[in-house]
Amino acid sequence: MGHRLQEWLGSAPADTRLLILEFGAGFNTPGVIRWPGEHLTRRFLAARLVRVNPDRPETPADLAGRALPVPAGVDRLLDVLTAPHPALDPTVAP
């Protein structure tokens, strides 16, 4: 990890809210993305992990409730997220 990120992580309070978004990380080199993301999620109790992967979206059992496996490719996810949606009427309660 980068020096500035390491410094921030070292000084961040344990209750820091952190969202870790992981896109397409597999098991070719799990120590680069997958395991560090899981480690950070364990370290910060308010952290959440979202793992987007069409083939290997599994998340560790000990992170249940704090990790979301998304079995989709990034291209499909981006298509859904960027599709036009009707604007919400702010005067109408959901």
N, C-alpha and C. Protein backbone atom coordinates (compact mmCIF):
# COMPACT_ATOMS: atom_id res chain seq x y z
N MET A 1 0.83 -1.18 0.00
CA MET A 1 0.00 0.00 0.00
C MET A 1 0.87 1.24 0.00
N GLY A 2 0.29 2.31 -0.48
CA GLY A 2 1.01 3.56 -0.52
C GLY A 2 1.29 4.12 0.87
N HIS A 3 2.33 4.90 0.94
CA HIS A 3 2.79 5.47 2.21
C HIS A 3 1.70 6.30 2.89
N ARG A 4 1.03 7.17 2.14
CA ARG A 4 0.00 8.03 2.73
C ARG A 4 -1.20 7.21 3.21
N LEU A 5 -1.56 6.18 2.46
CA LEU A 5 -2.65 5.32 2.89
C LEU A 5 -2.28 4.60 4.18
N GLN A 6 -1.06 4.09 4.25
CA GLN A 6 -0.59 3.42 5.46
C GLN A 6 -0.64 4.36 6.67
N GLU A 7 -0.22 5.60 6.47
CA GLU A 7 -0.26 6.57 7.56
C GLU A 7 -1.70 6.79 8.02
N TRP A 8 -2.60 6.98 7.08
CA TRP A 8 -4.00 7.22 7.42
C TRP A 8 -4.59 6.02 8.15
N LEU A 9 -4.34 4.82 7.63
CA LEU A 9 -4.87 3.62 8.27
C LEU A 9 -4.32 3.46 9.68
N GLY A 10 -3.07 3.85 9.88
CA GLY A 10 -2.46 3.74 11.20
C GLY A 10 -3.02 4.71 12.22
N SER A 11 -3.58 5.81 11.75
CA SER A 11 -4.11 6.82 12.67
C SER A 11 -5.64 6.85 12.71
N ALA A 12 -6.29 6.09 11.85
CA ALA A 12 -7.76 6.09 11.79
C ALA A 12 -8.34 5.40 13.02
N PRO A 13 -9.37 5.98 13.62
CA PRO A 13 -10.01 5.34 14.77
C PRO A 13 -10.66 4.01 14.38
N ALA A 14 -10.81 3.11 15.33
CA ALA A 14 -11.38 1.79 15.06
C ALA A 14 -12.81 1.86 14.55
N ASP A 15 -13.53 2.96 14.86
CA ASP A 15 -14.91 3.08 14.41
C ASP A 15 -15.04 3.82 13.08
N THR A 16 -13.95 3.96 12.35
CA THR A 16 -13.97 4.61 11.04
C THR A 16 -14.90 3.86 10.09
N ARG A 17 -15.76 4.61 9.44
CA ARG A 17 -16.65 4.02 8.44
C ARG A 17 -15.88 3.96 7.12
N LEU A 18 -15.80 2.76 6.55
CA LEU A 18 -15.00 2.54 5.36
C LEU A 18 -15.76 1.61 4.43
N LEU A 19 -15.86 1.97 3.17
CA LEU A 19 -16.48 1.11 2.17
C LEU A 19 -15.39 0.66 1.20
N ILE A 20 -15.19 -0.65 1.13
CA ILE A 20 -14.17 -1.22 0.25
C ILE A 20 -14.90 -1.82 -0.94
N LEU A 21 -14.64 -1.27 -2.12
CA LEU A 21 -15.25 -1.76 -3.36
C LEU A 21 -14.18 -2.53 -4.12
N GLU A 22 -14.45 -3.79 -4.37
CA GLU A 22 -13.49 -4.66 -5.03
C GLU A 22 -14.11 -5.14 -6.35
N PHE A 23 -13.47 -4.85 -7.46
CA PHE A 23 -14.00 -5.20 -8.77
C PHE A 23 -13.13 -6.22 -9.48
N GLY A 24 -13.64 -7.43 -9.63
CA GLY A 24 -12.99 -8.43 -10.46
C GLY A 24 -11.74 -9.07 -9.91
N ALA A 25 -11.44 -8.90 -8.65
CA ALA A 25 -10.24 -9.49 -8.08
C ALA A 25 -10.46 -10.99 -7.88
N GLY A 26 -9.59 -11.77 -8.46
CA GLY A 26 -9.70 -13.22 -8.37
C GLY A 26 -8.63 -13.80 -7.49
N PHE A 27 -8.18 -15.00 -7.86
CA PHE A 27 -7.20 -15.70 -7.04
C PHE A 27 -5.84 -15.85 -7.72
N ASN A 28 -5.58 -15.09 -8.79
CA ASN A 28 -4.23 -15.11 -9.37
C ASN A 28 -3.23 -14.55 -8.38
N THR A 29 -3.58 -13.45 -7.76
CA THR A 29 -2.73 -12.83 -6.74
C THR A 29 -3.63 -12.30 -5.61
N PRO A 30 -4.22 -13.18 -4.81
CA PRO A 30 -5.17 -12.73 -3.78
C PRO A 30 -4.56 -11.84 -2.71
N GLY A 31 -3.26 -11.92 -2.55
CA GLY A 31 -2.61 -11.08 -1.55
C GLY A 31 -2.52 -9.62 -1.94
N VAL A 32 -2.84 -9.30 -3.19
CA VAL A 32 -2.76 -7.92 -3.66
C VAL A 32 -4.05 -7.16 -3.36
N ILE A 33 -5.20 -7.76 -3.59
CA ILE A 33 -6.47 -7.06 -3.41
C ILE A 33 -7.41 -7.78 -2.44
N ARG A 34 -7.70 -9.04 -2.71
CA ARG A 34 -8.72 -9.76 -1.91
C ARG A 34 -8.41 -9.80 -0.42
N TRP A 35 -7.26 -10.30 -0.06
CA TRP A 35 -6.93 -10.47 1.36
C TRP A 35 -6.75 -9.14 2.08
N PRO A 36 -6.09 -8.14 1.47
CA PRO A 36 -6.02 -6.84 2.16
C PRO A 36 -7.39 -6.22 2.39
N GLY A 37 -8.30 -6.35 1.43
CA GLY A 37 -9.65 -5.82 1.62
C GLY A 37 -10.37 -6.51 2.76
N GLU A 38 -10.22 -7.83 2.84
CA GLU A 38 -10.82 -8.58 3.94
C GLU A 38 -10.20 -8.17 5.27
N HIS A 39 -8.89 -8.00 5.28
CA HIS A 39 -8.19 -7.59 6.50
C HIS A 39 -8.70 -6.23 6.99
N LEU A 40 -8.83 -5.27 6.08
CA LEU A 40 -9.32 -3.95 6.47
C LEU A 40 -10.75 -4.02 6.99
N THR A 41 -11.57 -4.87 6.38
CA THR A 41 -12.94 -5.02 6.84
C THR A 41 -12.97 -5.58 8.26
N ARG A 42 -12.09 -6.50 8.55
CA ARG A 42 -12.00 -7.05 9.91
C ARG A 42 -11.48 -6.01 10.91
N ARG A 43 -10.53 -5.23 10.48
CA ARG A 43 -9.87 -4.27 11.38
C ARG A 43 -10.79 -3.13 11.79
N PHE A 44 -11.59 -2.64 10.85
CA PHE A 44 -12.49 -1.53 11.13
C PHE A 44 -13.91 -2.08 11.24
N LEU A 45 -14.47 -2.05 12.43
CA LEU A 45 -15.76 -2.69 12.68
C LEU A 45 -16.91 -2.05 11.91
N ALA A 46 -16.76 -0.80 11.50
CA ALA A 46 -17.80 -0.14 10.71
C ALA A 46 -17.54 -0.25 9.21
N ALA A 47 -16.52 -1.01 8.83
CA ALA A 47 -16.18 -1.18 7.41
C ALA A 47 -17.11 -2.17 6.74
N ARG A 48 -17.31 -1.98 5.45
CA ARG A 48 -18.10 -2.89 4.63
C ARG A 48 -17.30 -3.20 3.36
N LEU A 49 -17.45 -4.43 2.90
CA LEU A 49 -16.76 -4.90 1.70
C LEU A 49 -17.80 -5.29 0.66
N VAL A 50 -17.65 -4.77 -0.55
CA VAL A 50 -18.49 -5.17 -1.69
C VAL A 50 -17.55 -5.81 -2.70
N ARG A 51 -17.77 -7.09 -2.98
CA ARG A 51 -16.90 -7.85 -3.89
C ARG A 51 -17.68 -8.18 -5.16
N VAL A 52 -17.30 -7.55 -6.26
CA VAL A 52 -17.96 -7.76 -7.55
C VAL A 52 -17.07 -8.67 -8.39
N ASN A 53 -17.57 -9.87 -8.70
CA ASN A 53 -16.79 -10.84 -9.46
C ASN A 53 -17.76 -11.87 -10.05
N PRO A 54 -17.74 -12.08 -11.37
CA PRO A 54 -18.68 -13.02 -11.96
C PRO A 54 -18.39 -14.47 -11.61
N ASP A 55 -17.14 -14.79 -11.31
CA ASP A 55 -16.76 -16.18 -11.07
C ASP A 55 -16.48 -16.50 -9.60
N ARG A 56 -15.91 -15.58 -8.86
CA ARG A 56 -15.49 -15.83 -7.47
C ARG A 56 -15.91 -14.68 -6.56
N PRO A 57 -17.22 -14.46 -6.37
CA PRO A 57 -17.65 -13.36 -5.51
C PRO A 57 -17.69 -13.69 -4.02
N GLU A 58 -17.33 -14.92 -3.66
CA GLU A 58 -17.46 -15.38 -2.28
C GLU A 58 -16.74 -14.46 -1.30
N THR A 59 -17.34 -14.33 -0.12
CA THR A 59 -16.73 -13.56 0.95
C THR A 59 -16.61 -14.48 2.17
N PRO A 60 -15.65 -14.22 3.05
CA PRO A 60 -15.45 -15.08 4.21
C PRO A 60 -16.66 -15.09 5.15
N ALA A 61 -16.91 -16.23 5.74
CA ALA A 61 -18.05 -16.39 6.65
C ALA A 61 -17.97 -15.44 7.84
N ASP A 62 -16.76 -15.15 8.32
CA ASP A 62 -16.65 -14.27 9.48
C ASP A 62 -17.01 -12.82 9.17
N LEU A 63 -17.17 -12.50 7.89
CA LEU A 63 -17.57 -11.15 7.49
C LEU A 63 -19.05 -11.08 7.11
N ALA A 64 -19.81 -12.12 7.40
CA ALA A 64 -21.23 -12.15 7.09
C ALA A 64 -21.91 -10.93 7.71
N GLY A 65 -22.75 -10.28 6.94
CA GLY A 65 -23.43 -9.09 7.40
C GLY A 65 -22.64 -7.82 7.16
N ARG A 66 -21.35 -7.96 6.83
CA ARG A 66 -20.50 -6.80 6.56
C ARG A 66 -19.87 -6.86 5.19
N ALA A 67 -20.14 -7.97 4.47
CA ALA A 67 -19.58 -8.14 3.13
C ALA A 67 -20.70 -8.54 2.18
N LEU A 68 -20.69 -7.97 1.00
CA LEU A 68 -21.71 -8.26 0.00
C LEU A 68 -21.05 -8.85 -1.24
N PRO A 69 -21.28 -10.14 -1.52
CA PRO A 69 -20.77 -10.72 -2.76
C PRO A 69 -21.73 -10.39 -3.90
N VAL A 70 -21.19 -9.87 -4.99
CA VAL A 70 -22.02 -9.52 -6.15
C VAL A 70 -21.54 -10.38 -7.32
N PRO A 71 -22.32 -11.41 -7.68
CA PRO A 71 -21.91 -12.32 -8.76
C PRO A 71 -22.22 -11.75 -10.14
N ALA A 72 -21.48 -10.72 -10.52
CA ALA A 72 -21.69 -10.07 -11.82
C ALA A 72 -20.37 -9.53 -12.31
N GLY A 73 -20.30 -9.35 -13.62
CA GLY A 73 -19.13 -8.69 -14.18
C GLY A 73 -19.24 -7.19 -13.99
N VAL A 74 -18.12 -6.53 -13.95
CA VAL A 74 -18.11 -5.08 -13.75
C VAL A 74 -18.85 -4.38 -14.88
N ASP A 75 -18.70 -4.88 -16.11
CA ASP A 75 -19.37 -4.25 -17.23
C ASP A 75 -20.89 -4.28 -17.06
N ARG A 76 -21.42 -5.40 -16.60
CA ARG A 76 -22.87 -5.52 -16.38
C ARG A 76 -23.31 -4.61 -15.24
N LEU A 77 -22.55 -4.59 -14.17
CA LEU A 77 -22.88 -3.73 -13.03
C LEU A 77 -22.90 -2.26 -13.45
N LEU A 78 -21.89 -1.84 -14.20
CA LEU A 78 -21.85 -0.45 -14.65
C LEU A 78 -23.01 -0.12 -15.58
N ASP A 79 -23.40 -1.07 -16.43
CA ASP A 79 -24.57 -0.86 -17.29
C ASP A 79 -25.82 -0.59 -16.46
N VAL A 80 -26.01 -1.38 -15.41
CA VAL A 80 -27.19 -1.21 -14.56
C VAL A 80 -27.12 0.11 -13.80
N LEU A 81 -25.95 0.43 -13.27
CA LEU A 81 -25.81 1.65 -12.48
C LEU A 81 -25.92 2.92 -13.30
N THR A 82 -25.55 2.85 -14.57
CA THR A 82 -25.56 4.06 -15.40
C THR A 82 -26.77 4.14 -16.32
N ALA A 83 -27.67 3.18 -16.24
CA ALA A 83 -28.88 3.22 -17.06
C ALA A 83 -29.75 4.40 -16.64
N PRO A 84 -30.40 5.05 -17.60
CA PRO A 84 -31.28 6.17 -17.24
C PRO A 84 -32.40 5.70 -16.32
N HIS A 85 -32.64 6.48 -15.29
CA HIS A 85 -33.72 6.20 -14.36
C HIS A 85 -34.59 7.46 -14.27
N PRO A 86 -35.88 7.26 -14.07
CA PRO A 86 -36.72 8.46 -13.91
C PRO A 86 -36.33 9.22 -12.67
N ALA A 87 -36.36 10.53 -12.77
CA ALA A 87 -36.01 11.37 -11.63
C ALA A 87 -37.06 11.19 -10.53
N LEU A 88 -36.60 11.13 -9.30
CA LEU A 88 -37.51 11.04 -8.17
C LEU A 88 -38.12 12.40 -7.89
N ASP A 89 -39.39 12.40 -7.53
CA ASP A 89 -40.08 13.62 -7.16
C ASP A 89 -39.79 13.88 -5.69
N PRO A 90 -39.05 14.94 -5.36
CA PRO A 90 -38.68 15.18 -3.96
C PRO A 90 -39.87 15.52 -3.07
N THR A 91 -41.02 15.81 -3.67
CA THR A 91 -42.19 16.16 -2.85
C THR A 91 -43.00 14.94 -2.47
N VAL A 92 -42.63 13.76 -3.00
CA VAL A 92 -43.35 12.53 -2.72
C VAL A 92 -42.49 11.65 -1.84
N ALA A 93 -43.03 11.21 -0.71
CA ALA A 93 -42.29 10.33 0.19
C ALA A 93 -42.20 8.94 -0.41
N PRO A 94 -41.05 8.28 -0.25
CA PRO A 94 -40.91 6.92 -0.81
C PRO A 94 -41.75 5.91 -0.08
